[in-house]
């Protein structure tokens, strides 16, 4: 039964990706749909990262001794002011290793 569920989910994921990404298929999304879908990645990343940054040990921690919060703020500021993803990633991870 487990294998059936795994294979079924793999088929659903493959088919949904294939239908939207294969350029030879006549399926085209409208501009409004594409704009709407552009918000999905930031929303998912926020949902994943918010508990890690704000609740690292099971309790809300908004102090300066929260390494995750400090590095998250630094990464946000670096991304905003530099616009360089690689620089932001390297510097914020380096800061995390120094502080942790």
PDB file of N, CA and C in Angstrom:
ATOM      1  N   UNK A   1       0.820  -1.194   0.000  1.00  0.00           N
ATOM      2  CA  UNK A   1       0.000   0.000   0.000  1.00  0.00           C
ATOM      3  C   UNK A   1       0.866   1.260   0.000  1.00  0.00           C
ATOM      4  N   UNK A   2       1.970   1.224   0.765  1.00  0.00           N
ATOM      5  CA  UNK A   2       2.855   2.381   0.838  1.00  0.00           C
ATOM      6  C   UNK A   2       3.477   2.680  -0.523  1.00  0.00           C
ATOM      7  N   UNK A   3       3.904   1.622  -1.208  1.00  0.00           N
ATOM      8  CA  UNK A   3       4.493   1.823  -2.532  1.00  0.00           C
ATOM      9  C   UNK A   3       3.486   2.400  -3.517  1.00  0.00           C
ATOM     10  N   UNK A   4       2.249   1.974  -3.403  1.00  0.00           N
ATOM     11  CA  UNK A   4       1.203   2.504  -4.276  1.00  0.00           C
ATOM     12  C   UNK A   4       1.015   4.002  -4.042  1.00  0.00           C
ATOM     13  N   UNK A   5       1.026   4.422  -2.788  1.00  0.00           N
ATOM     14  CA  UNK A   5       0.882   5.845  -2.465  1.00  0.00           C
ATOM     15  C   UNK A   5       2.081   6.635  -2.979  1.00  0.00           C
ATOM     16  N   UNK A   6       3.285   6.105  -2.768  1.00  0.00           N
ATOM     17  CA  UNK A   6       4.497   6.799  -3.230  1.00  0.00           C
ATOM     18  C   UNK A   6       4.494   6.932  -4.750  1.00  0.00           C
ATOM     19  N   UNK A   7       4.182   5.867  -5.459  1.00  0.00           N
ATOM     20  CA  UNK A   7       4.161   5.911  -6.924  1.00  0.00           C
ATOM     21  C   UNK A   7       3.050   6.817  -7.438  1.00  0.00           C
ATOM     22  N   UNK A   8       1.907   6.805  -6.769  1.00  0.00           N
ATOM     23  CA  UNK A   8       0.803   7.679  -7.184  1.00  0.00           C
ATOM     24  C   UNK A   8       1.180   9.152  -7.016  1.00  0.00           C
ATOM     25  N   UNK A   9       1.790   9.483  -5.900  1.00  0.00           N
ATOM     26  CA  UNK A   9       2.197  10.871  -5.678  1.00  0.00           C
ATOM     27  C   UNK A   9       3.294  11.279  -6.659  1.00  0.00           C
ATOM     28  N   UNK A  10       4.213  10.382  -6.963  1.00  0.00           N
ATOM     29  CA  UNK A  10       5.248  10.674  -7.956  1.00  0.00           C
ATOM     30  C   UNK A  10       4.609  10.941  -9.316  1.00  0.00           C
ATOM     31  N   UNK A  11       3.598  10.165  -9.678  1.00  0.00           N
ATOM     32  CA  UNK A  11       2.910  10.375 -10.954  1.00  0.00           C
ATOM     33  C   UNK A  11       2.187  11.714 -10.972  1.00  0.00           C
ATOM     34  N   UNK A  12       1.518  12.071  -9.875  1.00  0.00           N
ATOM     35  CA  UNK A  12       0.817  13.349  -9.803  1.00  0.00           C
ATOM     36  C   UNK A  12       1.798  14.509  -9.950  1.00  0.00           C
ATOM     37  N   UNK A  13       2.927  14.437  -9.242  1.00  0.00           N
ATOM     38  CA  UNK A  13       3.924  15.510  -9.328  1.00  0.00           C
ATOM     39  C   UNK A  13       4.501  15.594 -10.737  1.00  0.00           C
ATOM     40  N   UNK A  14       4.848  14.448 -11.329  1.00  0.00           N
ATOM     41  CA  UNK A  14       5.424  14.453 -12.673  1.00  0.00           C
ATOM     42  C   UNK A  14       4.446  15.021 -13.694  1.00  0.00           C
ATOM     43  N   UNK A  15       3.210  14.576 -13.646  1.00  0.00           N
ATOM     44  CA  UNK A  15       2.219  15.028 -14.632  1.00  0.00           C
ATOM     45  C   UNK A  15       1.957  16.522 -14.493  1.00  0.00           C
ATOM     46  N   UNK A  16       1.834  17.002 -13.248  1.00  0.00           N
ATOM     47  CA  UNK A  16       1.577  18.432 -13.073  1.00  0.00           C
ATOM     48  C   UNK A  16       2.759  19.271 -13.556  1.00  0.00           C
ATOM     49  N   UNK A  17       3.970  18.810 -13.321  1.00  0.00           N
ATOM     50  CA  UNK A  17       5.149  19.545 -13.809  1.00  0.00           C
ATOM     51  C   UNK A  17       5.247  19.475 -15.329  1.00  0.00           C
ATOM     52  N   UNK A  18       4.985  18.309 -15.889  1.00  0.00           N
ATOM     53  CA  UNK A  18       5.092  18.122 -17.330  1.00  0.00           C
ATOM     54  C   UNK A  18       4.096  18.997 -18.074  1.00  0.00           C
ATOM     55  N   UNK A  19       2.872  19.058 -17.582  1.00  0.00           N
ATOM     56  CA  UNK A  19       1.849  19.845 -18.266  1.00  0.00           C
ATOM     57  C   UNK A  19       2.188  21.335 -18.277  1.00  0.00           C
ATOM     58  N   UNK A  20       2.801  21.825 -17.217  1.00  0.00           N
ATOM     59  CA  UNK A  20       3.093  23.256 -17.146  1.00  0.00           C
ATOM     60  C   UNK A  20       4.450  23.633 -17.730  1.00  0.00           C
ATOM     61  N   UNK A  21       5.375  22.700 -17.820  1.00  0.00           N
ATOM     62  CA  UNK A  21       6.730  23.049 -18.247  1.00  0.00           C
ATOM     63  C   UNK A  21       7.085  22.595 -19.665  1.00  0.00           C
ATOM     64  N   UNK A  22       6.331  21.704 -20.238  1.00  0.00           N
ATOM     65  CA  UNK A  22       6.639  21.235 -21.597  1.00  0.00           C
ATOM     66  C   UNK A  22       6.224  22.296 -22.605  1.00  0.00           C
ATOM     67  N   UNK A  23       7.199  22.864 -23.337  1.00  0.00           N
ATOM     68  CA  UNK A  23       6.864  23.952 -24.262  1.00  0.00           C
ATOM     69  C   UNK A  23       6.067  23.502 -25.493  1.00  0.00           C
ATOM     70  N   UNK A  24       6.082  22.231 -25.833  1.00  0.00           N
ATOM     71  CA  UNK A  24       5.377  21.759 -27.023  1.00  0.00           C
ATOM     72  C   UNK A  24       3.875  21.584 -26.792  1.00  0.00           C
ATOM     73  N   UNK A  25       3.456  21.541 -25.543  1.00  0.00           N
ATOM     74  CA  UNK A  25       2.025  21.396 -25.257  1.00  0.00           C
ATOM     75  C   UNK A  25       1.321  22.737 -25.432  1.00  0.00           C
ATOM     76  N   UNK A  26       0.083  22.723 -25.891  1.00  0.00           N
ATOM     77  CA  UNK A  26      -0.619  23.986 -26.157  1.00  0.00           C
ATOM     78  C   UNK A  26      -1.171  24.680 -24.905  1.00  0.00           C
ATOM     79  N   UNK A  27      -0.847  24.192 -23.722  1.00  0.00           N
ATOM     80  CA  UNK A  27      -1.358  24.773 -22.484  1.00  0.00           C
ATOM     81  C   UNK A  27      -0.589  26.052 -22.144  1.00  0.00           C
ATOM     82  N   UNK A  28      -1.277  27.166 -22.096  1.00  0.00           N
ATOM     83  CA  UNK A  28      -0.662  28.453 -21.765  1.00  0.00           C
ATOM     84  C   UNK A  28      -1.412  29.069 -20.590  1.00  0.00           C
ATOM     85  N   UNK A  29      -0.675  29.622 -19.642  1.00  0.00           N
ATOM     86  CA  UNK A  29      -1.282  30.273 -18.490  1.00  0.00           C
ATOM     87  C   UNK A  29      -1.421  31.767 -18.752  1.00  0.00           C
ATOM     88  N   UNK A  30      -2.464  32.346 -18.205  1.00  0.00           N
ATOM     89  CA  UNK A  30      -2.683  33.781 -18.400  1.00  0.00           C
ATOM     90  C   UNK A  30      -1.678  34.583 -17.577  1.00  0.00           C
ATOM     91  N   UNK A  31      -1.568  35.866 -17.902  1.00  0.00           N
ATOM     92  CA  UNK A  31      -0.650  36.742 -17.176  1.00  0.00           C
ATOM     93  C   UNK A  31      -1.043  36.878 -15.714  1.00  0.00           C
ATOM     94  N   UNK A  32      -2.344  36.917 -15.442  1.00  0.00           N
ATOM     95  CA  UNK A  32      -2.800  37.006 -14.042  1.00  0.00           C
ATOM     96  C   UNK A  32      -2.414  35.755 -13.261  1.00  0.00           C
ATOM     97  N   UNK A  33      -2.526  34.599 -13.887  1.00  0.00           N
ATOM     98  CA  UNK A  33      -2.149  33.355 -13.221  1.00  0.00           C
ATOM     99  C   UNK A  33      -0.660  33.314 -12.955  1.00  0.00           C
ATOM    100  N   UNK A  34       0.139  33.727 -13.924  1.00  0.00           N
ATOM    101  CA  UNK A  34       1.589  33.754 -13.739  1.00  0.00           C
ATOM    102  C   UNK A  34       1.992  34.727 -12.636  1.00  0.00           C
ATOM    103  N   UNK A  35       1.325  35.880 -12.572  1.00  0.00           N
ATOM    104  CA  UNK A  35       1.595  36.836 -11.496  1.00  0.00           C
ATOM    105  C   UNK A  35       1.227  36.237 -10.151  1.00  0.00           C
ATOM    106  N   UNK A  36       0.072  35.573 -10.094  1.00  0.00           N
ATOM    107  CA  UNK A  36      -0.364  34.930  -8.859  1.00  0.00           C
ATOM    108  C   UNK A  36       0.627  33.852  -8.426  1.00  0.00           C
ATOM    109  N   UNK A  37       1.114  33.053  -9.360  1.00  0.00           N
ATOM    110  CA  UNK A  37       2.055  31.982  -9.038  1.00  0.00           C
ATOM    111  C   UNK A  37       3.424  32.514  -8.621  1.00  0.00           C
ATOM    112  N   UNK A  38       3.766  33.734  -9.014  1.00  0.00           N
ATOM    113  CA  UNK A  38       5.065  34.285  -8.626  1.00  0.00           C
ATOM    114  C   UNK A  38       5.146  34.544  -7.125  1.00  0.00           C
ATOM    115  N   UNK A  39       4.011  34.596  -6.445  1.00  0.00           N
ATOM    116  CA  UNK A  39       4.002  34.802  -4.997  1.00  0.00           C
ATOM    117  C   UNK A  39       4.130  33.499  -4.216  1.00  0.00           C
ATOM    118  N   UNK A  40       4.062  32.369  -4.871  1.00  0.00           N
ATOM    119  CA  UNK A  40       4.054  31.097  -4.145  1.00  0.00           C
ATOM    120  C   UNK A  40       5.402  30.768  -3.504  1.00  0.00           C
ATOM    121  N   UNK A  41       6.510  31.025  -4.197  1.00  0.00           N
ATOM    122  CA  UNK A  41       7.818  30.699  -3.625  1.00  0.00           C
ATOM    123  C   UNK A  41       8.120  31.515  -2.367  1.00  0.00           C
ATOM    124  N   UNK A  42       7.942  32.846  -2.375  1.00  0.00           N
ATOM    125  CA  UNK A  42       8.175  33.580  -1.130  1.00  0.00           C
ATOM    126  C   UNK A  42       7.235  33.156   0.002  1.00  0.00           C
ATOM    127  N   UNK A  43       6.003  32.811  -0.329  1.00  0.00           N
ATOM    128  CA  UNK A  43       5.061  32.394   0.706  1.00  0.00           C
ATOM    129  C   UNK A  43       5.481  31.068   1.335  1.00  0.00           C
ATOM    130  N   UNK A  44       5.915  30.127   0.521  1.00  0.00           N
ATOM    131  CA  UNK A  44       6.344  28.832   1.041  1.00  0.00           C
ATOM    132  C   UNK A  44       7.624  28.984   1.857  1.00  0.00           C
ATOM    133  N   UNK A  45       8.580  29.769   1.362  1.00  0.00           N
ATOM    134  CA  UNK A  45       9.820  29.979   2.116  1.00  0.00           C
ATOM    135  C   UNK A  45       9.566  30.663   3.449  1.00  0.00           C
ATOM    136  N   UNK A  46       8.655  31.615   3.468  1.00  0.00           N
ATOM    137  CA  UNK A  46       8.311  32.289   4.723  1.00  0.00           C
ATOM    138  C   UNK A  46       7.681  31.301   5.699  1.00  0.00           C
ATOM    139  N   UNK A  47       6.809  30.453   5.217  1.00  0.00           N
ATOM    140  CA  UNK A  47       6.164  29.469   6.091  1.00  0.00           C
ATOM    141  C   UNK A  47       7.168  28.469   6.651  1.00  0.00           C
ATOM    142  N   UNK A  48       8.208  28.164   5.900  1.00  0.00           N
ATOM    143  CA  UNK A  48       9.226  27.228   6.375  1.00  0.00           C
ATOM    144  C   UNK A  48      10.183  27.915   7.345  1.00  0.00           C
ATOM    145  N   UNK A  49      10.614  29.130   7.011  1.00  0.00           N
ATOM    146  CA  UNK A  49      11.660  29.794   7.786  1.00  0.00           C
ATOM    147  C   UNK A  49      11.169  30.511   9.039  1.00  0.00           C
ATOM    148  N   UNK A  50       9.954  30.988   9.059  1.00  0.00           N
ATOM    149  CA  UNK A  50       9.475  31.764  10.212  1.00  0.00           C
ATOM    150  C   UNK A  50       9.562  30.987  11.522  1.00  0.00           C
ATOM    151  N   UNK A  51       9.128  29.739  11.599  1.00  0.00           N
ATOM    152  CA  UNK A  51       9.276  29.023  12.871  1.00  0.00           C
ATOM    153  C   UNK A  51      10.735  28.810  13.278  1.00  0.00           C
ATOM    154  N   UNK A  52      11.612  28.605  12.302  1.00  0.00           N
ATOM    155  CA  UNK A  52      13.021  28.392  12.608  1.00  0.00           C
ATOM    156  C   UNK A  52      13.652  29.665  13.163  1.00  0.00           C
ATOM    157  N   UNK A  53      13.322  30.806  12.588  1.00  0.00           N
ATOM    158  CA  UNK A  53      13.935  32.070  12.986  1.00  0.00           C
ATOM    159  C   UNK A  53      13.341  32.596  14.289  1.00  0.00           C
ATOM    160  N   UNK A  54      12.038  32.572  14.428  1.00  0.00           N
ATOM    161  CA  UNK A  54      11.396  33.205  15.574  1.00  0.00           C
ATOM    162  C   UNK A  54      11.155  32.263  16.752  1.00  0.00           C
ATOM    163  N   UNK A  55      11.108  30.963  16.507  1.00  0.00           N
ATOM    164  CA  UNK A  55      10.838  29.996  17.570  1.00  0.00           C
ATOM    165  C   UNK A  55      11.878  28.873  17.510  1.00  0.00           C
ATOM    166  N   UNK A  56      13.166  29.188  17.718  1.00  0.00           N
ATOM    167  CA  UNK A  56      14.194  28.166  17.516  1.00  0.00           C
ATOM    168  C   UNK A  56      14.195  27.048  18.561  1.00  0.00           C
ATOM    169  N   UNK A  57      13.724  27.316  19.768  1.00  0.00           N
ATOM    170  CA  UNK A  57      13.750  26.291  20.817  1.00  0.00           C
ATOM    171  C   UNK A  57      12.360  26.021  21.378  1.00  0.00           C
ATOM    172  N   UNK A  58      11.333  26.200  20.558  1.00  0.00           N
ATOM    173  CA  UNK A  58       9.982  25.917  20.979  1.00  0.00           C
ATOM    174  C   UNK A  58       9.273  27.063  21.682  1.00  0.00           C
ATOM    175  N   UNK A  59       9.949  28.197  21.817  1.00  0.00           N
ATOM    176  CA  UNK A  59       9.339  29.357  22.464  1.00  0.00           C
ATOM    177  C   UNK A  59       9.772  30.612  21.704  1.00  0.00           C
ATOM    178  N   UNK A  60       8.861  31.571  21.590  1.00  0.00           N
ATOM    179  CA  UNK A  60       9.153  32.801  20.870  1.00  0.00           C
ATOM    180  C   UNK A  60      10.362  33.492  21.477  1.00  0.00           C
ATOM    181  N   UNK A  61      11.353  33.799  20.628  1.00  0.00           N
ATOM    182  CA  UNK A  61      12.597  34.405  21.097  1.00  0.00           C
ATOM    183  C   UNK A  61      12.947  35.564  20.177  1.00  0.00           C
ATOM    184  N   UNK A  62      12.715  36.790  20.642  1.00  0.00           N
ATOM    185  CA  UNK A  62      12.984  37.985  19.847  1.00  0.00           C
ATOM    186  C   UNK A  62      14.131  38.804  20.446  1.00  0.00           C
ATOM    187  N   UNK A  63      15.097  38.139  21.057  1.00  0.00           N
ATOM    188  CA  UNK A  63      16.223  38.832  21.677  1.00  0.00           C
ATOM    189  C   UNK A  63      17.459  38.714  20.799  1.00  0.00           C
ATOM    190  N   UNK A  64      18.502  39.466  21.177  1.00  0.00           N
ATOM    191  CA  UNK A  64      19.732  39.451  20.398  1.00  0.00           C
ATOM    192  C   UNK A  64      20.554  38.182  20.598  1.00  0.00           C
ATOM    193  N   UNK A  65      20.225  37.366  21.574  1.00  0.00           N
ATOM    194  CA  UNK A  65      20.945  36.103  21.726  1.00  0.00           C
ATOM    195  C   UNK A  65      20.366  34.990  20.841  1.00  0.00           C
ATOM    196  N   UNK A  66      19.342  35.293  20.077  1.00  0.00           N
ATOM    197  CA  UNK A  66      18.782  34.365  19.093  1.00  0.00           C
ATOM    198  C   UNK A  66      19.615  34.485  17.812  1.00  0.00           C
ATOM    199  N   UNK A  67      20.526  33.534  17.636  1.00  0.00           N
ATOM    200  CA  UNK A  67      21.436  33.557  16.482  1.00  0.00           C
ATOM    201  C   UNK A  67      20.689  33.515  15.165  1.00  0.00           C
ATOM    202  N   UNK A  68      19.612  32.747  15.101  1.00  0.00           N
ATOM    203  CA  UNK A  68      18.833  32.629  13.871  1.00  0.00           C
ATOM    204  C   UNK A  68      18.209  33.973  13.488  1.00  0.00           C
ATOM    205  N   UNK A  69      17.699  34.673  14.476  1.00  0.00           N
ATOM    206  CA  UNK A  69      17.065  35.968  14.216  1.00  0.00           C
ATOM    207  C   UNK A  69      18.091  37.006  13.772  1.00  0.00           C
ATOM    208  N   UNK A  70      19.224  37.057  14.449  1.00  0.00           N
ATOM    209  CA  UNK A  70      20.273  38.018  14.092  1.00  0.00           C
ATOM    210  C   UNK A  70      20.759  37.770  12.670  1.00  0.00           C
ATOM    211  N   UNK A  71      21.045  36.521  12.352  1.00  0.00           N
ATOM    212  CA  UNK A  71      21.530  36.202  11.003  1.00  0.00           C
ATOM    213  C   UNK A  71      20.440  36.396   9.953  1.00  0.00           C
ATOM    214  N   UNK A  72      19.200  36.162  10.313  1.00  0.00           N
ATOM    215  CA  UNK A  72      18.098  36.414   9.389  1.00  0.00           C
ATOM    216  C   UNK A  72      17.950  37.886   9.063  1.00  0.00           C
ATOM    217  N   UNK A  73      18.087  38.736  10.084  1.00  0.00           N
ATOM    218  CA  UNK A  73      18.012  40.185   9.856  1.00  0.00           C
ATOM    219  C   UNK A  73      19.188  40.650   9.005  1.00  0.00           C
ATOM    220  N   UNK A  74      20.381  40.152   9.309  1.00  0.00           N
ATOM    221  CA  UNK A  74      21.561  40.523   8.512  1.00  0.00           C
ATOM    222  C   UNK A  74      21.404  40.062   7.066  1.00  0.00           C
ATOM    223  N   UNK A  75      20.907  38.845   6.866  1.00  0.00           N
ATOM    224  CA  UNK A  75      20.708  38.335   5.507  1.00  0.00           C
ATOM    225  C   UNK A  75      19.672  39.162   4.753  1.00  0.00           C
ATOM    226  N   UNK A  76      18.614  39.563   5.442  1.00  0.00           N
ATOM    227  CA  UNK A  76      17.590  40.393   4.808  1.00  0.00           C
ATOM    228  C   UNK A  76      18.148  41.741   4.393  1.00  0.00           C
ATOM    229  N   UNK A  77      18.910  42.362   5.276  1.00  0.00           N
ATOM    230  CA  UNK A  77      19.518  43.658   4.955  1.00  0.00           C
ATOM    231  C   UNK A  77      20.536  43.547   3.822  1.00  0.00           C
ATOM    232  N   UNK A  78      21.352  42.504   3.860  1.00  0.00           N
ATOM    233  CA  UNK A  78      22.323  42.296   2.776  1.00  0.00           C
ATOM    234  C   UNK A  78      21.621  42.087   1.435  1.00  0.00           C
ATOM    235  N   UNK A  79      20.573  41.286   1.433  1.00  0.00           N
ATOM    236  CA  UNK A  79      19.837  41.038   0.192  1.00  0.00           C
ATOM    237  C   UNK A  79      19.205  42.318  -0.326  1.00  0.00           C
ATOM    238  N   UNK A  80      18.683  43.127   0.569  1.00  0.00           N
ATOM    239  CA  UNK A  80      18.027  44.375   0.153  1.00  0.00           C
ATOM    240  C   UNK A  80      19.036  45.375  -0.408  1.00  0.00           C
ATOM    241  N   UNK A  81      20.150  45.552   0.279  1.00  0.00           N
ATOM    242  CA  UNK A  81      21.092  46.595  -0.130  1.00  0.00           C
ATOM    243  C   UNK A  81      22.058  46.167  -1.232  1.00  0.00           C
ATOM    244  N   UNK A  82      22.424  44.880  -1.293  1.00  0.00           N
ATOM    245  CA  UNK A  82      23.376  44.459  -2.322  1.00  0.00           C
ATOM    246  C   UNK A  82      22.693  43.855  -3.543  1.00  0.00           C
ATOM    247  N   UNK A  83      21.605  43.117  -3.335  1.00  0.00           N
ATOM    248  CA  UNK A  83      20.950  42.443  -4.449  1.00  0.00           C
ATOM    249  C   UNK A  83      21.748  41.266  -4.971  1.00  0.00           C
ATOM    250  N   UNK A  84      22.807  40.884  -4.261  1.00  0.00           N
ATOM    251  CA  UNK A  84      23.685  39.800  -4.682  1.00  0.00           C
ATOM    252  C   UNK A  84      23.378  38.560  -3.840  1.00  0.00           C
ATOM    253  N   UNK A  85      22.814  37.542  -4.446  1.00  0.00           N
ATOM    254  CA  UNK A  85      22.402  36.348  -3.720  1.00  0.00           C
ATOM    255  C   UNK A  85      23.587  35.585  -3.154  1.00  0.00           C
ATOM    256  N   UNK A  86      24.638  35.429  -3.940  1.00  0.00           N
ATOM    257  CA  UNK A  86      25.802  34.676  -3.481  1.00  0.00           C
ATOM    258  C   UNK A  86      26.473  35.375  -2.300  1.00  0.00           C
ATOM    259  N   UNK A  87      26.678  36.674  -2.404  1.00  0.00           N
ATOM    260  CA  UNK A  87      27.293  37.429  -1.314  1.00  0.00           C
ATOM    261  C   UNK A  87      26.437  37.348  -0.051  1.00  0.00           C
ATOM    262  N   UNK A  88      25.142  37.497  -0.197  1.00  0.00           N
ATOM    263  CA  UNK A  88      24.225  37.410   0.943  1.00  0.00           C
ATOM    264  C   UNK A  88      24.309  36.047   1.608  1.00  0.00           C
ATOM    265  N   UNK A  89      24.302  34.997   0.814  1.00  0.00           N
ATOM    266  CA  UNK A  89      24.343  33.642   1.358  1.00  0.00           C
ATOM    267  C   UNK A  89      25.654  33.374   2.086  1.00  0.00           C
ATOM    268  N   UNK A  90      26.762  33.697   1.460  1.00  0.00           N
ATOM    269  CA  UNK A  90      28.076  33.412   2.057  1.00  0.00           C
ATOM    270  C   UNK A  90      28.281  34.208   3.340  1.00  0.00           C
ATOM    271  N   UNK A  91      27.969  35.498   3.319  1.00  0.00           N
ATOM    272  CA  UNK A  91      28.188  36.323   4.504  1.00  0.00           C
ATOM    273  C   UNK A  91      27.249  35.946   5.653  1.00  0.00           C
ATOM    274  N   UNK A  92      26.005  35.664   5.359  1.00  0.00           N
ATOM    275  CA  UNK A  92      25.076  35.325   6.443  1.00  0.00           C
ATOM    276  C   UNK A  92      25.379  33.946   7.025  1.00  0.00           C
ATOM    277  N   UNK A  93      25.787  32.997   6.199  1.00  0.00           N
ATOM    278  CA  UNK A  93      26.175  31.682   6.725  1.00  0.00           C
ATOM    279  C   UNK A  93      27.465  31.806   7.530  1.00  0.00           C
ATOM    280  N   UNK A  94      28.417  32.610   7.047  1.00  0.00           N
ATOM    281  CA  UNK A  94      29.646  32.842   7.806  1.00  0.00           C
ATOM    282  C   UNK A  94      29.371  33.469   9.158  1.00  0.00           C
ATOM    283  N   UNK A  95      28.475  34.453   9.195  1.00  0.00           N
ATOM    284  CA  UNK A  95      28.093  35.087  10.460  1.00  0.00           C
ATOM    285  C   UNK A  95      27.431  34.067  11.384  1.00  0.00           C
ATOM    286  N   UNK A  96      26.609  33.215  10.824  1.00  0.00           N
ATOM    287  CA  UNK A  96      25.945  32.186  11.637  1.00  0.00           C
ATOM    288  C   UNK A  96      26.963  31.269  12.285  1.00  0.00           C
ATOM    289  N   UNK A  97      27.974  30.835  11.523  1.00  0.00           N
ATOM    290  CA  UNK A  97      28.985  29.956  12.092  1.00  0.00           C
ATOM    291  C   UNK A  97      29.826  30.661  13.141  1.00  0.00           C
ATOM    292  N   UNK A  98      30.070  31.957  12.955  1.00  0.00           N
ATOM    293  CA  UNK A  98      30.829  32.711  13.951  1.00  0.00           C
ATOM    294  C   UNK A  98      30.028  32.852  15.241  1.00  0.00           C
ATOM    295  N   UNK A  99      28.746  33.179  15.123  1.00  0.00           N
ATOM    296  CA  UNK A  99      27.924  33.406  16.318  1.00  0.00           C
ATOM    297  C   UNK A  99      27.483  32.120  17.002  1.00  0.00           C
ATOM    298  N   UNK A 100      27.304  31.065  16.234  1.00  0.00           N
ATOM    299  CA  UNK A 100      26.789  29.815  16.803  1.00  0.00           C
ATOM    300  C   UNK A 100      27.926  29.067  17.418  1.00  0.00           C
TER     301      UNK A 100
END
